[in-house]
Amino acid sequence: MNRLLVATRNRGKAQELRALLMDLELSLVTPQDLGLDLSVTEDGLTYVENAQKKAAAFAGATGLIALADDSGLEVDALDGAPGLHSARYVVTAGATDADRRGLLLTNLRDKPRPWRARFRAALALSVSDGESYWTEGYCSGEIIPQERGSGGFGYDRIFLVDGTGRTMAELDLDQKNRISHRAMAVARARPILRRLFT
């Protein structure tokens, strides 16, 4: 079976991508599966640049077609922050998702509600010969001041998804994978994957 390298150490992302791609005849492997310890500096100016940089590095290191994503939360009241720096919003070593959610809510405390926001994702596919592709997706909603739900990761517990009355963390994986920013990007990438692996 064809192998696709999912270039992430984030277990939540890897789990979502496995679920989103499970119907394709692909064997998804992670860097951990391959014993690969490769660090890529995410210094691009856009999600697409960061995703492409990661995918190209992992494809080049393994000879496999690599899929990478870069995603972030953009909050209108904070002029789009944390955005590209969502995973590094708290710069303290060992910071957790809870620390990042806490800082975001602290920074929003004096801003008028609703706190409109969106999750945005860019997905890149890279072949070891340098060929590359990318897609994007987004999911709109608002930030709420109290955490709700236990699923997902990152900012999911404070992101109320438009039209659902629930946070991303209150959705089960099947529901999340129908409406999330990552699901939208993957849906647009599926025809590319089929072409690359046939």
Protein backbone atom coordinates (compact mmCIF):
# COMPACT_ATOMS: atom_id res chain seq x y z
CA MET A 1 0.00 0.00 0.00
CA ASN A 2 1.22 3.52 -0.82
CA ARG A 3 2.64 5.39 2.15
CA LEU A 4 1.87 9.05 2.91
CA LEU A 5 3.98 10.78 5.53
CA VAL A 6 1.93 13.04 7.81
CA ALA A 7 4.57 15.56 8.83
CA THR A 8 3.48 16.41 12.37
CA ARG A 9 4.35 15.51 15.95
CA ASN A 10 0.95 16.75 17.11
CA ARG A 11 -1.06 13.62 17.95
CA GLY A 12 -4.37 15.45 17.71
CA LYS A 13 -3.62 16.62 14.16
CA ALA A 14 -2.38 13.17 13.16
CA GLN A 15 -5.55 11.55 14.53
CA GLU A 16 -7.79 14.00 12.64
CA LEU A 17 -5.87 13.52 9.39
CA ARG A 18 -6.02 9.71 9.70
CA ALA A 19 -9.80 9.91 10.15
CA LEU A 20 -10.18 12.34 7.23
CA LEU A 21 -8.17 10.15 4.86
CA MET A 22 -9.18 6.68 6.06
CA ASP A 23 -11.21 5.84 2.95
CA LEU A 24 -8.23 6.39 0.62
CA GLU A 25 -6.01 3.38 -0.02
CA LEU A 26 -3.04 4.90 1.77
CA SER A 27 -0.91 3.89 4.70
CA LEU A 28 -0.39 7.02 6.80
CA VAL A 29 2.87 7.17 8.72
CA THR A 30 4.21 9.82 11.10
CA PRO A 31 7.79 10.90 11.77
CA GLN A 32 7.63 8.90 15.03
CA ASP A 33 6.69 5.76 13.08
CA LEU A 34 9.85 6.20 11.01
CA GLY A 35 12.08 7.13 13.95
CA LEU A 36 12.62 10.49 12.24
CA ASP A 37 13.59 13.44 14.43
CA LEU A 38 13.45 16.41 12.06
CA SER A 39 12.77 19.94 13.26
CA VAL A 40 11.58 22.60 10.80
CA THR A 41 11.56 26.28 11.77
CA GLU A 42 8.14 27.74 10.99
CA ASP A 43 9.24 31.24 9.99
CA GLY A 44 7.05 31.72 6.93
CA LEU A 45 4.85 34.78 6.57
CA THR A 46 1.73 32.71 5.80
CA TYR A 47 0.21 29.38 6.80
CA VAL A 48 0.87 28.14 3.25
CA GLU A 49 4.57 28.99 3.44
CA ASN A 50 4.97 27.16 6.76
CA ALA A 51 3.07 24.10 5.54
CA GLN A 52 5.07 23.97 2.31
CA LYS A 53 8.35 24.31 4.18
CA LYS A 54 7.50 21.39 6.48
CA ALA A 55 6.19 19.16 3.69
CA ALA A 56 9.26 19.77 1.51
CA ALA A 57 11.68 19.06 4.36
CA PHE A 58 10.02 15.77 5.29
CA ALA A 59 9.62 14.65 1.67
CA GLY A 60 13.27 15.42 1.02
CA ALA A 61 14.40 13.54 4.13
CA THR A 62 12.38 10.38 3.45
CA GLY A 63 11.66 10.16 -0.27
CA LEU A 64 7.96 9.81 0.61
CA ILE A 65 5.15 12.11 -0.43
CA ALA A 66 4.65 14.29 2.64
CA LEU A 67 1.58 16.12 3.86
CA ALA A 68 1.96 18.99 6.32
CA ASP A 69 -0.43 21.54 7.67
CA ASP A 70 -0.12 24.86 9.39
CA SER A 71 -3.11 26.29 11.12
CA GLY A 72 -4.07 29.02 13.51
CA LEU A 73 -6.81 30.89 15.28
CA GLU A 74 -7.54 34.45 14.14
CA VAL A 75 -9.50 36.68 16.51
CA ASP A 76 -10.92 39.89 15.05
CA ALA A 77 -10.76 41.83 18.35
CA LEU A 78 -7.02 41.09 18.51
CA ASP A 79 -6.36 42.13 14.89
CA GLY A 80 -6.05 38.51 13.79
CA ALA A 81 -3.86 37.30 16.66
CA PRO A 82 -2.69 34.77 17.66
CA GLY A 83 -2.75 33.74 13.96
CA LEU A 84 0.51 32.25 12.71
CA HIS A 85 1.78 32.18 16.31
CA SER A 86 -1.18 30.23 17.74
CA ALA A 87 0.96 27.27 18.86
CA ARG A 88 3.63 29.62 20.22
CA TYR A 89 1.30 32.22 21.77
CA VAL A 90 2.83 31.64 25.20
CA VAL A 91 6.61 31.79 24.88
CA THR A 92 7.37 30.15 28.23
CA ALA A 93 9.05 26.75 27.89
CA GLY A 94 6.61 23.91 28.51
CA ALA A 95 3.50 26.05 27.95
CA THR A 96 0.32 24.01 27.56
CA ASP A 97 -2.85 24.42 25.52
CA ALA A 98 -4.54 25.59 28.75
CA ASP A 99 -1.87 28.29 29.15
CA ARG A 100 -2.52 29.51 25.60
CA ARG A 101 -6.29 29.56 26.10
CA GLY A 102 -5.80 31.44 29.37
CA LEU A 103 -3.61 34.11 27.78
CA LEU A 104 -6.06 34.56 24.91
CA LEU A 105 -8.97 35.09 27.31
CA THR A 106 -6.89 37.50 29.39
CA ASN A 107 -6.09 39.54 26.28
CA LEU A 108 -9.78 39.61 25.31
CA ARG A 109 -11.08 40.54 28.77
CA ASP A 110 -11.61 44.26 28.02
CA LYS A 111 -12.75 43.81 24.41
CA PRO A 112 -16.48 44.04 23.58
CA ARG A 113 -18.21 40.79 22.71
CA PRO A 114 -18.94 38.87 20.59
CA TRP A 115 -15.33 37.92 19.97
CA ARG A 116 -15.58 36.82 16.33
CA ALA A 117 -12.90 34.41 15.18
CA ARG A 118 -11.97 31.76 12.67
CA PHE A 119 -9.72 28.76 12.50
CA ARG A 120 -7.66 28.74 9.30
CA ALA A 121 -5.62 25.84 7.90
CA ALA A 122 -3.24 25.41 4.99
CA LEU A 123 -2.35 21.93 3.79
CA ALA A 124 0.72 21.25 1.68
CA LEU A 125 1.73 18.14 -0.24
CA SER A 126 5.30 17.70 -1.35
CA VAL A 127 7.02 15.09 -3.50
CA SER A 128 10.74 14.45 -3.03
CA ASP A 129 11.48 15.79 -6.53
CA GLY A 130 10.26 19.23 -5.45
CA GLU A 131 6.73 19.05 -6.86
CA SER A 132 4.28 20.66 -4.40
CA TYR A 133 0.62 21.53 -3.96
CA TRP A 134 -1.43 23.34 -1.34
CA THR A 135 -5.03 23.94 -0.27
CA GLU A 136 -6.72 26.02 2.43
CA GLY A 137 -9.82 25.85 4.61
CA TYR A 138 -11.42 27.83 7.40
CA CYS A 139 -14.14 27.53 10.04
CA SER A 140 -15.93 30.55 11.52
CA GLY A 141 -17.18 31.08 15.04
CA GLU A 142 -16.54 33.08 18.18
CA ILE A 143 -14.46 32.85 21.32
CA ILE A 144 -16.38 32.28 24.56
CA PRO A 145 -15.08 33.09 28.06
CA GLN A 146 -15.68 29.65 29.64
CA GLU A 147 -14.17 26.38 28.46
CA ARG A 148 -16.64 23.76 27.26
CA GLY A 149 -16.05 20.17 26.14
CA SER A 150 -13.21 17.72 26.47
CA GLY A 151 -12.44 16.75 22.87
CA GLY A 152 -9.97 18.18 20.41
CA PHE A 153 -6.91 20.19 21.36
CA GLY A 154 -5.52 23.71 21.27
CA TYR A 155 -8.21 26.40 21.42
CA ASP A 156 -11.14 24.02 20.69
CA ARG A 157 -12.67 24.38 24.19
CA ILE A 158 -13.29 28.13 23.80
CA PHE A 159 -14.20 28.21 20.09
CA LEU A 160 -17.99 28.20 19.54
CA VAL A 161 -18.64 26.95 16.01
CA ASP A 162 -21.14 28.98 13.98
CA GLY A 163 -24.50 27.28 13.55
CA THR A 164 -23.89 24.49 16.08
CA GLY A 165 -24.29 26.03 19.56
CA ARG A 166 -21.27 23.93 20.55
CA THR A 167 -17.56 24.43 20.93
CA MET A 168 -15.17 22.53 18.71
CA ALA A 169 -14.30 20.46 21.81
CA GLU A 170 -17.97 19.43 22.25
CA LEU A 171 -18.12 17.89 18.77
CA ASP A 172 -17.19 14.25 18.29
CA LEU A 173 -14.44 13.52 15.77
CA ASP A 174 -16.90 12.67 12.98
CA GLN A 175 -18.76 15.96 13.46
CA LYS A 176 -15.55 17.95 13.69
CA ASN A 177 -14.22 16.30 10.55
CA ARG A 178 -17.24 17.45 8.57
CA ILE A 179 -16.91 21.17 9.38
CA SER A 180 -13.42 22.00 10.62
CA HIS A 181 -10.88 24.17 8.84
CA ARG A 182 -8.62 21.12 8.46
CA ALA A 183 -11.49 19.07 7.01
CA MET A 184 -12.13 21.76 4.39
CA ALA A 185 -8.45 21.85 3.40
CA VAL A 186 -8.27 18.05 3.21
CA ALA A 187 -11.43 17.87 1.07
CA ARG A 188 -9.77 20.18 -1.45
CA ALA A 189 -6.59 18.09 -1.35
CA ARG A 190 -8.26 14.74 -2.01
CA PRO A 191 -8.25 15.03 -5.84
CA ILE A 192 -4.53 15.91 -5.68
CA LEU A 193 -3.81 12.88 -3.47
CA ARG A 194 -5.71 10.58 -5.82
CA ARG A 195 -3.70 11.89 -8.76
CA LEU A 196 -0.36 11.57 -6.95
CA PHE A 197 -1.01 7.97 -5.88
CA THR A 198 -2.46 6.55 -9.12
